[in-house]
């Protein structure tokens, strides 16, 4: 009878450990999803800032819109791209995994 109880206790402990690991994996996945979302929001904000910068600088340059040839496409690419274009800590961590 003692052997059966020990096996049941071991099975219970293994089941508990598996459940905790499942919870940890789910939490890590949620944190990764949140970090990825924040990264892309930051990238889009950089693109918007680039377009605002262009709109503010053109009057300062007496209407010379040559700067817009570079900044407008860069800003639009940052806003609409699905690729990681801003290089920061998250970018390097993600590159190591791929």
PDB file of N, CA and C in Angstrom:
ATOM      1  N   UNK A   1       0.823  -1.191   0.000  1.00  0.00           N
ATOM      2  CA  UNK A   1       0.000   0.000   0.000  1.00  0.00           C
ATOM      3  C   UNK A   1       0.869   1.258   0.000  1.00  0.00           C
ATOM      4  N   UNK A   2       1.979   1.190   0.684  1.00  0.00           N
ATOM      5  CA  UNK A   2       2.884   2.338   0.754  1.00  0.00           C
ATOM      6  C   UNK A   2       3.462   2.689  -0.614  1.00  0.00           C
ATOM      7  N   UNK A   3       3.741   1.714  -1.441  1.00  0.00           N
ATOM      8  CA  UNK A   3       4.296   1.932  -2.775  1.00  0.00           C
ATOM      9  C   UNK A   3       3.298   2.682  -3.650  1.00  0.00           C
ATOM     10  N   UNK A   4       2.048   2.327  -3.571  1.00  0.00           N
ATOM     11  CA  UNK A   4       1.011   2.974  -4.373  1.00  0.00           C
ATOM     12  C   UNK A   4       0.872   4.440  -3.966  1.00  0.00           C
ATOM     13  N   UNK A   5       0.900   4.720  -2.683  1.00  0.00           N
ATOM     14  CA  UNK A   5       0.794   6.101  -2.209  1.00  0.00           C
ATOM     15  C   UNK A   5       1.977   6.940  -2.674  1.00  0.00           C
ATOM     16  N   UNK A   6       3.149   6.371  -2.667  1.00  0.00           N
ATOM     17  CA  UNK A   6       4.339   7.096  -3.122  1.00  0.00           C
ATOM     18  C   UNK A   6       4.216   7.419  -4.599  1.00  0.00           C
ATOM     19  N   UNK A   7       3.762   6.485  -5.396  1.00  0.00           N
ATOM     20  CA  UNK A   7       3.602   6.717  -6.827  1.00  0.00           C
ATOM     21  C   UNK A   7       2.533   7.774  -7.096  1.00  0.00           C
ATOM     22  N   UNK A   8       1.463   7.745  -6.335  1.00  0.00           N
ATOM     23  CA  UNK A   8       0.421   8.759  -6.499  1.00  0.00           C
ATOM     24  C   UNK A   8       0.940  10.136  -6.118  1.00  0.00           C
ATOM     25  N   UNK A   9       1.723  10.187  -5.063  1.00  0.00           N
ATOM     26  CA  UNK A   9       2.293  11.470  -4.643  1.00  0.00           C
ATOM     27  C   UNK A   9       3.264  11.999  -5.690  1.00  0.00           C
ATOM     28  N   UNK A  10       4.084  11.109  -6.247  1.00  0.00           N
ATOM     29  CA  UNK A  10       5.010  11.520  -7.310  1.00  0.00           C
ATOM     30  C   UNK A  10       4.244  12.013  -8.537  1.00  0.00           C
ATOM     31  N   UNK A  11       3.168  11.302  -8.872  1.00  0.00           N
ATOM     32  CA  UNK A  11       2.355  11.708 -10.020  1.00  0.00           C
ATOM     33  C   UNK A  11       1.719  13.069  -9.772  1.00  0.00           C
ATOM     34  N   UNK A  12       1.244  13.285  -8.552  1.00  0.00           N
ATOM     35  CA  UNK A  12       0.655  14.580  -8.202  1.00  0.00           C
ATOM     36  C   UNK A  12       1.695  15.688  -8.324  1.00  0.00           C
ATOM     37  N   UNK A  13       2.891  15.458  -7.804  1.00  0.00           N
ATOM     38  CA  UNK A  13       3.956  16.466  -7.876  1.00  0.00           C
ATOM     39  C   UNK A  13       4.355  16.741  -9.313  1.00  0.00           C
ATOM     40  N   UNK A  14       4.425  15.696 -10.141  1.00  0.00           N
ATOM     41  CA  UNK A  14       4.764  15.875 -11.558  1.00  0.00           C
ATOM     42  C   UNK A  14       3.666  16.672 -12.271  1.00  0.00           C
ATOM     43  N   UNK A  15       2.412  16.360 -11.978  1.00  0.00           N
ATOM     44  CA  UNK A  15       1.299  17.100 -12.580  1.00  0.00           C
ATOM     45  C   UNK A  15       1.305  18.564 -12.173  1.00  0.00           C
ATOM     46  N   UNK A  16       1.604  18.821 -10.920  1.00  0.00           N
ATOM     47  CA  UNK A  16       1.676  20.202 -10.424  1.00  0.00           C
ATOM     48  C   UNK A  16       2.816  20.947 -11.111  1.00  0.00           C
ATOM     49  N   UNK A  17       3.970  20.289 -11.226  1.00  0.00           N
ATOM     50  CA  UNK A  17       5.119  20.914 -11.886  1.00  0.00           C
ATOM     51  C   UNK A  17       4.807  21.215 -13.355  1.00  0.00           C
ATOM     52  N   UNK A  18       4.132  20.301 -14.040  1.00  0.00           N
ATOM     53  CA  UNK A  18       3.742  20.520 -15.434  1.00  0.00           C
ATOM     54  C   UNK A  18       2.774  21.692 -15.565  1.00  0.00           C
ATOM     55  N   UNK A  19       1.834  21.788 -14.641  1.00  0.00           N
ATOM     56  CA  UNK A  19       0.867  22.889 -14.674  1.00  0.00           C
ATOM     57  C   UNK A  19       1.560  24.226 -14.453  1.00  0.00           C
ATOM     58  N   UNK A  20       2.502  24.264 -13.521  1.00  0.00           N
ATOM     59  CA  UNK A  20       3.235  25.518 -13.267  1.00  0.00           C
ATOM     60  C   UNK A  20       4.074  25.912 -14.474  1.00  0.00           C
ATOM     61  N   UNK A  21       4.691  24.941 -15.129  1.00  0.00           N
ATOM     62  CA  UNK A  21       5.477  25.219 -16.332  1.00  0.00           C
ATOM     63  C   UNK A  21       4.576  25.757 -17.443  1.00  0.00           C
ATOM     64  N   UNK A  22       3.385  25.219 -17.553  1.00  0.00           N
ATOM     65  CA  UNK A  22       2.427  25.696 -18.545  1.00  0.00           C
ATOM     66  C   UNK A  22       2.051  27.152 -18.274  1.00  0.00           C
ATOM     67  N   UNK A  23       1.838  27.477 -17.014  1.00  0.00           N
ATOM     68  CA  UNK A  23       1.504  28.860 -16.640  1.00  0.00           C
ATOM     69  C   UNK A  23       2.677  29.780 -16.958  1.00  0.00           C
ATOM     70  N   UNK A  24       3.903  29.338 -16.676  1.00  0.00           N
ATOM     71  CA  UNK A  24       5.091  30.163 -16.972  1.00  0.00           C
ATOM     72  C   UNK A  24       5.239  30.406 -18.467  1.00  0.00           C
ATOM     73  N   UNK A  25       5.022  29.365 -19.279  1.00  0.00           N
ATOM     74  CA  UNK A  25       5.115  29.511 -20.734  1.00  0.00           C
ATOM     75  C   UNK A  25       4.076  30.503 -21.249  1.00  0.00           C
ATOM     76  N   UNK A  26       2.866  30.410 -20.729  1.00  0.00           N
ATOM     77  CA  UNK A  26       1.794  31.311 -21.150  1.00  0.00           C
ATOM     78  C   UNK A  26       2.151  32.756 -20.790  1.00  0.00           C
ATOM     79  N   UNK A  27       2.686  32.951 -19.580  1.00  0.00           N
ATOM     80  CA  UNK A  27       3.061  34.291 -19.133  1.00  0.00           C
ATOM     81  C   UNK A  27       4.201  34.853 -19.992  1.00  0.00           C
ATOM     82  N   UNK A  28       5.216  34.006 -20.298  1.00  0.00           N
ATOM     83  CA  UNK A  28       6.316  34.447 -21.163  1.00  0.00           C
ATOM     84  C   UNK A  28       5.809  34.834 -22.548  1.00  0.00           C
ATOM     85  N   UNK A  29       4.867  34.049 -23.070  1.00  0.00           N
ATOM     86  CA  UNK A  29       4.306  34.333 -24.395  1.00  0.00           C
ATOM     87  C   UNK A  29       3.558  35.665 -24.384  1.00  0.00           C
ATOM     88  N   UNK A  30       2.803  35.929 -23.326  1.00  0.00           N
ATOM     89  CA  UNK A  30       2.081  37.196 -23.209  1.00  0.00           C
ATOM     90  C   UNK A  30       3.047  38.367 -23.107  1.00  0.00           C
ATOM     91  N   UNK A  31       4.126  38.196 -22.336  1.00  0.00           N
ATOM     92  CA  UNK A  31       5.116  39.265 -22.198  1.00  0.00           C
ATOM     93  C   UNK A  31       5.811  39.527 -23.530  1.00  0.00           C
ATOM     94  N   UNK A  32       6.124  38.474 -24.276  1.00  0.00           N
ATOM     95  CA  UNK A  32       6.768  38.634 -25.576  1.00  0.00           C
ATOM     96  C   UNK A  32       5.834  39.352 -26.551  1.00  0.00           C
ATOM     97  N   UNK A  33       4.565  38.996 -26.518  1.00  0.00           N
ATOM     98  CA  UNK A  33       3.590  39.647 -27.400  1.00  0.00           C
ATOM     99  C   UNK A  33       3.483  41.136 -27.066  1.00  0.00           C
ATOM    100  N   UNK A  34       3.479  41.453 -25.772  1.00  0.00           N
ATOM    101  CA  UNK A  34       3.398  42.848 -25.335  1.00  0.00           C
ATOM    102  C   UNK A  34       4.646  43.621 -25.757  1.00  0.00           C
ATOM    103  N   UNK A  35       5.822  43.018 -25.584  1.00  0.00           N
ATOM    104  CA  UNK A  35       7.075  43.682 -25.965  1.00  0.00           C
ATOM    105  C   UNK A  35       7.124  43.918 -27.473  1.00  0.00           C
ATOM    106  N   UNK A  36       6.681  42.945 -28.254  1.00  0.00           N
ATOM    107  CA  UNK A  36       6.672  43.084 -29.715  1.00  0.00           C
ATOM    108  C   UNK A  36       5.716  44.207 -30.127  1.00  0.00           C
ATOM    109  N   UNK A  37       4.561  44.240 -29.506  1.00  0.00           N
ATOM    110  CA  UNK A  37       3.585  45.287 -29.825  1.00  0.00           C
ATOM    111  C   UNK A  37       4.141  46.673 -29.492  1.00  0.00           C
ATOM    112  N   UNK A  38       4.784  46.792 -28.326  1.00  0.00           N
ATOM    113  CA  UNK A  38       5.386  48.071 -27.938  1.00  0.00           C
ATOM    114  C   UNK A  38       6.472  48.482 -28.917  1.00  0.00           C
ATOM    115  N   UNK A  39       7.254  47.515 -29.396  1.00  0.00           N
ATOM    116  CA  UNK A  39       8.305  47.818 -30.369  1.00  0.00           C
ATOM    117  C   UNK A  39       7.702  48.427 -31.635  1.00  0.00           C
ATOM    118  N   UNK A  40       6.670  47.796 -32.165  1.00  0.00           N
ATOM    119  CA  UNK A  40       6.077  48.304 -33.406  1.00  0.00           C
ATOM    120  C   UNK A  40       5.351  49.625 -33.201  1.00  0.00           C
ATOM    121  N   UNK A  41       4.783  49.848 -32.029  1.00  0.00           N
ATOM    122  CA  UNK A  41       4.184  51.152 -31.744  1.00  0.00           C
ATOM    123  C   UNK A  41       5.273  52.221 -31.739  1.00  0.00           C
ATOM    124  N   UNK A  42       6.398  51.916 -31.123  1.00  0.00           N
ATOM    125  CA  UNK A  42       7.518  52.866 -31.089  1.00  0.00           C
ATOM    126  C   UNK A  42       8.022  53.152 -32.507  1.00  0.00           C
ATOM    127  N   UNK A  43       8.098  52.112 -33.346  1.00  0.00           N
ATOM    128  CA  UNK A  43       8.550  52.299 -34.719  1.00  0.00           C
ATOM    129  C   UNK A  43       7.591  53.215 -35.480  1.00  0.00           C
ATOM    130  N   UNK A  44       6.297  53.014 -35.304  1.00  0.00           N
ATOM    131  CA  UNK A  44       5.310  53.862 -35.979  1.00  0.00           C
ATOM    132  C   UNK A  44       5.380  55.307 -35.479  1.00  0.00           C
ATOM    133  N   UNK A  45       5.609  55.475 -34.197  1.00  0.00           N
ATOM    134  CA  UNK A  45       5.749  56.830 -33.655  1.00  0.00           C
ATOM    135  C   UNK A  45       6.984  57.529 -34.208  1.00  0.00           C
ATOM    136  N   UNK A  46       8.053  56.790 -34.426  1.00  0.00           N
ATOM    137  CA  UNK A  46       9.234  57.373 -35.057  1.00  0.00           C
ATOM    138  C   UNK A  46       8.894  57.841 -36.477  1.00  0.00           C
ATOM    139  N   UNK A  47       8.104  57.055 -37.187  1.00  0.00           N
ATOM    140  CA  UNK A  47       7.691  57.442 -38.539  1.00  0.00           C
ATOM    141  C   UNK A  47       6.837  58.704 -38.528  1.00  0.00           C
ATOM    142  N   UNK A  48       5.912  58.789 -37.602  1.00  0.00           N
ATOM    143  CA  UNK A  48       5.070  59.990 -37.481  1.00  0.00           C
ATOM    144  C   UNK A  48       5.932  61.193 -37.120  1.00  0.00           C
ATOM    145  N   UNK A  49       6.876  60.998 -36.212  1.00  0.00           N
ATOM    146  CA  UNK A  49       7.780  62.093 -35.823  1.00  0.00           C
ATOM    147  C   UNK A  49       8.594  62.571 -37.024  1.00  0.00           C
ATOM    148  N   UNK A  50       8.999  61.641 -37.885  1.00  0.00           N
ATOM    149  CA  UNK A  50       9.762  62.008 -39.081  1.00  0.00           C
ATOM    150  C   UNK A  50       8.909  62.881 -40.005  1.00  0.00           C
ATOM    151  N   UNK A  51       7.634  62.552 -40.163  1.00  0.00           N
ATOM    152  CA  UNK A  51       6.760  63.355 -41.021  1.00  0.00           C
ATOM    153  C   UNK A  51       6.481  64.728 -40.406  1.00  0.00           C
ATOM    154  N   UNK A  52       6.291  64.765 -39.105  1.00  0.00           N
ATOM    155  CA  UNK A  52       6.081  66.051 -38.428  1.00  0.00           C
ATOM    156  C   UNK A  52       7.333  66.911 -38.542  1.00  0.00           C
ATOM    157  N   UNK A  53       8.494  66.305 -38.360  1.00  0.00           N
ATOM    158  CA  UNK A  53       9.765  67.018 -38.507  1.00  0.00           C
ATOM    159  C   UNK A  53       9.868  67.644 -39.901  1.00  0.00           C
ATOM    160  N   UNK A  54       9.492  66.879 -40.912  1.00  0.00           N
ATOM    161  CA  UNK A  54       9.533  67.386 -42.281  1.00  0.00           C
ATOM    162  C   UNK A  54       8.615  68.596 -42.440  1.00  0.00           C
ATOM    163  N   UNK A  55       7.412  68.488 -41.922  1.00  0.00           N
ATOM    164  CA  UNK A  55       6.451  69.584 -42.053  1.00  0.00           C
ATOM    165  C   UNK A  55       6.927  70.837 -41.321  1.00  0.00           C
ATOM    166  N   UNK A  56       7.646  70.675 -40.220  1.00  0.00           N
ATOM    167  CA  UNK A  56       8.127  71.838 -39.468  1.00  0.00           C
ATOM    168  C   UNK A  56       9.392  72.457 -40.068  1.00  0.00           C
ATOM    169  N   UNK A  57      10.201  71.646 -40.705  1.00  0.00           N
ATOM    170  CA  UNK A  57      11.479  72.142 -41.224  1.00  0.00           C
ATOM    171  C   UNK A  57      11.321  72.853 -42.569  1.00  0.00           C
ATOM    172  N   UNK A  58      10.383  72.442 -43.382  1.00  0.00           N
ATOM    173  CA  UNK A  58      10.228  73.048 -44.716  1.00  0.00           C
ATOM    174  C   UNK A  58      10.009  74.561 -44.630  1.00  0.00           C
ATOM    175  N   UNK A  59       9.141  75.082 -43.756  1.00  0.00           N
ATOM    176  CA  UNK A  59       9.022  76.542 -43.662  1.00  0.00           C
ATOM    177  C   UNK A  59      10.316  77.218 -43.176  1.00  0.00           C
ATOM    178  N   UNK A  60      11.066  76.534 -42.336  1.00  0.00           N
ATOM    179  CA  UNK A  60      12.331  77.109 -41.858  1.00  0.00           C
ATOM    180  C   UNK A  60      13.372  77.197 -42.962  1.00  0.00           C
ATOM    181  N   UNK A  61      13.251  76.346 -43.974  1.00  0.00           N
ATOM    182  CA  UNK A  61      14.189  76.358 -45.096  1.00  0.00           C
ATOM    183  C   UNK A  61      13.654  77.192 -46.265  1.00  0.00           C
ATOM    184  N   UNK A  62      12.769  78.108 -45.968  1.00  0.00           N
ATOM    185  CA  UNK A  62      12.174  78.995 -46.973  1.00  0.00           C
ATOM    186  C   UNK A  62      11.480  78.235 -48.096  1.00  0.00           C
ATOM    187  N   UNK A  63      10.793  77.172 -47.746  1.00  0.00           N
ATOM    188  CA  UNK A  63      10.008  76.434 -48.727  1.00  0.00           C
ATOM    189  C   UNK A  63      10.794  75.400 -49.520  1.00  0.00           C
ATOM    190  N   UNK A  64      12.065  75.233 -49.241  1.00  0.00           N
ATOM    191  CA  UNK A  64      12.862  74.223 -49.941  1.00  0.00           C
ATOM    192  C   UNK A  64      12.496  72.842 -49.400  1.00  0.00           C
ATOM    193  N   UNK A  65      11.831  72.054 -50.233  1.00  0.00           N
ATOM    194  CA  UNK A  65      11.312  70.763 -49.781  1.00  0.00           C
ATOM    195  C   UNK A  65      12.223  69.603 -50.164  1.00  0.00           C
ATOM    196  N   UNK A  66      13.480  69.882 -50.438  1.00  0.00           N
ATOM    197  CA  UNK A  66      14.410  68.820 -50.800  1.00  0.00           C
ATOM    198  C   UNK A  66      14.548  67.785 -49.688  1.00  0.00           C
ATOM    199  N   UNK A  67      14.489  68.242 -48.457  1.00  0.00           N
ATOM    200  CA  UNK A  67      14.596  67.320 -47.323  1.00  0.00           C
ATOM    201  C   UNK A  67      13.471  66.305 -47.338  1.00  0.00           C
ATOM    202  N   UNK A  68      12.330  66.659 -47.903  1.00  0.00           N
ATOM    203  CA  UNK A  68      11.182  65.759 -47.950  1.00  0.00           C
ATOM    204  C   UNK A  68      11.441  64.554 -48.851  1.00  0.00           C
ATOM    205  N   UNK A  69      12.383  64.682 -49.788  1.00  0.00           N
ATOM    206  CA  UNK A  69      12.707  63.548 -50.654  1.00  0.00           C
ATOM    207  C   UNK A  69      13.264  62.369 -49.849  1.00  0.00           C
ATOM    208  N   UNK A  70      13.875  62.660 -48.720  1.00  0.00           N
ATOM    209  CA  UNK A  70      14.416  61.601 -47.870  1.00  0.00           C
ATOM    210  C   UNK A  70      13.503  61.263 -46.692  1.00  0.00           C
ATOM    211  N   UNK A  71      13.014  62.282 -46.038  1.00  0.00           N
ATOM    212  CA  UNK A  71      12.304  62.042 -44.780  1.00  0.00           C
ATOM    213  C   UNK A  71      10.888  61.489 -44.961  1.00  0.00           C
ATOM    214  N   UNK A  72      10.184  61.892 -46.009  1.00  0.00           N
ATOM    215  CA  UNK A  72       8.820  61.388 -46.212  1.00  0.00           C
ATOM    216  C   UNK A  72       8.819  59.884 -46.508  1.00  0.00           C
ATOM    217  N   UNK A  73       9.637  59.404 -47.461  1.00  0.00           N
ATOM    218  CA  UNK A  73       9.651  57.944 -47.667  1.00  0.00           C
ATOM    219  C   UNK A  73      10.113  57.168 -46.424  1.00  0.00           C
ATOM    220  N   UNK A  74      11.111  57.708 -45.722  1.00  0.00           N
ATOM    221  CA  UNK A  74      11.573  57.030 -44.519  1.00  0.00           C
ATOM    222  C   UNK A  74      10.467  56.964 -43.474  1.00  0.00           C
ATOM    223  N   UNK A  75       9.759  58.057 -43.288  1.00  0.00           N
ATOM    224  CA  UNK A  75       8.661  58.086 -42.325  1.00  0.00           C
ATOM    225  C   UNK A  75       7.552  57.124 -42.698  1.00  0.00           C
ATOM    226  N   UNK A  76       7.193  57.085 -43.978  1.00  0.00           N
ATOM    227  CA  UNK A  76       6.130  56.179 -44.425  1.00  0.00           C
ATOM    228  C   UNK A  76       6.543  54.717 -44.296  1.00  0.00           C
ATOM    229  N   UNK A  77       7.798  54.435 -44.575  1.00  0.00           N
ATOM    230  CA  UNK A  77       8.293  53.062 -44.418  1.00  0.00           C
ATOM    231  C   UNK A  77       8.237  52.655 -42.948  1.00  0.00           C
ATOM    232  N   UNK A  78       8.624  53.555 -42.054  1.00  0.00           N
ATOM    233  CA  UNK A  78       8.569  53.236 -40.628  1.00  0.00           C
ATOM    234  C   UNK A  78       7.133  52.992 -40.160  1.00  0.00           C
ATOM    235  N   UNK A  79       6.200  53.723 -40.719  1.00  0.00           N
ATOM    236  CA  UNK A  79       4.800  53.579 -40.307  1.00  0.00           C
ATOM    237  C   UNK A  79       4.186  52.288 -40.840  1.00  0.00           C
ATOM    238  N   UNK A  80       4.423  51.959 -42.095  1.00  0.00           N
ATOM    239  CA  UNK A  80       3.689  50.869 -42.731  1.00  0.00           C
ATOM    240  C   UNK A  80       4.454  49.549 -42.846  1.00  0.00           C
ATOM    241  N   UNK A  81       5.712  49.529 -42.480  1.00  0.00           N
ATOM    242  CA  UNK A  81       6.503  48.315 -42.627  1.00  0.00           C
ATOM    243  C   UNK A  81       6.166  47.281 -41.555  1.00  0.00           C
ATOM    244  N   UNK A  82       6.200  46.013 -41.925  1.00  0.00           N
ATOM    245  CA  UNK A  82       6.013  44.905 -40.988  1.00  0.00           C
ATOM    246  C   UNK A  82       7.367  44.372 -40.505  1.00  0.00           C
ATOM    247  N   UNK A  83       8.448  44.917 -41.024  1.00  0.00           N
ATOM    248  CA  UNK A  83       9.790  44.499 -40.630  1.00  0.00           C
ATOM    249  C   UNK A  83      10.272  45.340 -39.458  1.00  0.00           C
ATOM    250  N   UNK A  84      11.245  44.799 -38.753  1.00  0.00           N
ATOM    251  CA  UNK A  84      11.850  45.539 -37.635  1.00  0.00           C
ATOM    252  C   UNK A  84      12.939  46.447 -38.218  1.00  0.00           C
ATOM    253  N   UNK A  85      12.725  47.746 -38.136  1.00  0.00           N
ATOM    254  CA  UNK A  85      13.647  48.700 -38.740  1.00  0.00           C
ATOM    255  C   UNK A  85      14.400  49.538 -37.710  1.00  0.00           C
ATOM    256  N   UNK A  86      13.853  49.698 -36.535  1.00  0.00           N
ATOM    257  CA  UNK A  86      14.514  50.453 -35.469  1.00  0.00           C
ATOM    258  C   UNK A  86      15.414  49.485 -34.708  1.00  0.00           C
ATOM    259  N   UNK A  87      16.695  49.817 -34.627  1.00  0.00           N
ATOM    260  CA  UNK A  87      17.635  48.940 -33.935  1.00  0.00           C
ATOM    261  C   UNK A  87      17.742  49.383 -32.482  1.00  0.00           C
ATOM    262  N   UNK A  88      17.304  48.486 -31.589  1.00  0.00           N
ATOM    263  CA  UNK A  88      17.402  48.731 -30.150  1.00  0.00           C
ATOM    264  C   UNK A  88      17.613  47.401 -29.453  1.00  0.00           C
ATOM    265  N   UNK A  89      17.501  47.381 -28.138  1.00  0.00           N
ATOM    266  CA  UNK A  89      17.746  46.162 -27.361  1.00  0.00           C
ATOM    267  C   UNK A  89      16.808  45.026 -27.791  1.00  0.00           C
ATOM    268  N   UNK A  90      15.537  45.325 -27.958  1.00  0.00           N
ATOM    269  CA  UNK A  90      14.574  44.302 -28.362  1.00  0.00           C
ATOM    270  C   UNK A  90      14.940  43.720 -29.725  1.00  0.00           C
ATOM    271  N   UNK A  91      15.392  44.571 -30.636  1.00  0.00           N
ATOM    272  CA  UNK A  91      15.794  44.120 -31.975  1.00  0.00           C
ATOM    273  C   UNK A  91      16.917  43.092 -31.869  1.00  0.00           C
ATOM    274  N   UNK A  92      17.947  43.388 -31.075  1.00  0.00           N
ATOM    275  CA  UNK A  92      19.075  42.473 -30.963  1.00  0.00           C
ATOM    276  C   UNK A  92      18.689  41.184 -30.259  1.00  0.00           C
ATOM    277  N   UNK A  93      17.827  41.248 -29.256  1.00  0.00           N
ATOM    278  CA  UNK A  93      17.370  40.034 -28.592  1.00  0.00           C
ATOM    279  C   UNK A  93      16.590  39.156 -29.561  1.00  0.00           C
ATOM    280  N   UNK A  94      15.794  39.777 -30.403  1.00  0.00           N
ATOM    281  CA  UNK A  94      14.997  39.042 -31.368  1.00  0.00           C
ATOM    282  C   UNK A  94      15.866  38.464 -32.485  1.00  0.00           C
ATOM    283  N   UNK A  95      16.916  39.146 -32.863  1.00  0.00           N
ATOM    284  CA  UNK A  95      17.820  38.652 -33.909  1.00  0.00           C
ATOM    285  C   UNK A  95      18.569  37.408 -33.450  1.00  0.00           C
ATOM    286  N   UNK A  96      18.911  37.327 -32.178  1.00  0.00           N
ATOM    287  CA  UNK A  96      19.619  36.162 -31.654  1.00  0.00           C
ATOM    288  C   UNK A  96      18.748  34.915 -31.704  1.00  0.00           C
ATOM    289  N   UNK A  97      17.449  35.083 -31.525  1.00  0.00           N
ATOM    290  CA  UNK A  97      16.529  33.951 -31.529  1.00  0.00           C
ATOM    291  C   UNK A  97      16.308  33.398 -32.938  1.00  0.00           C
ATOM    292  N   UNK A  98      16.348  34.274 -33.947  1.00  0.00           N
ATOM    293  CA  UNK A  98      16.080  33.830 -35.326  1.00  0.00           C
ATOM    294  C   UNK A  98      17.249  33.152 -35.890  1.00  0.00           C
TER     295      UNK A  98
END
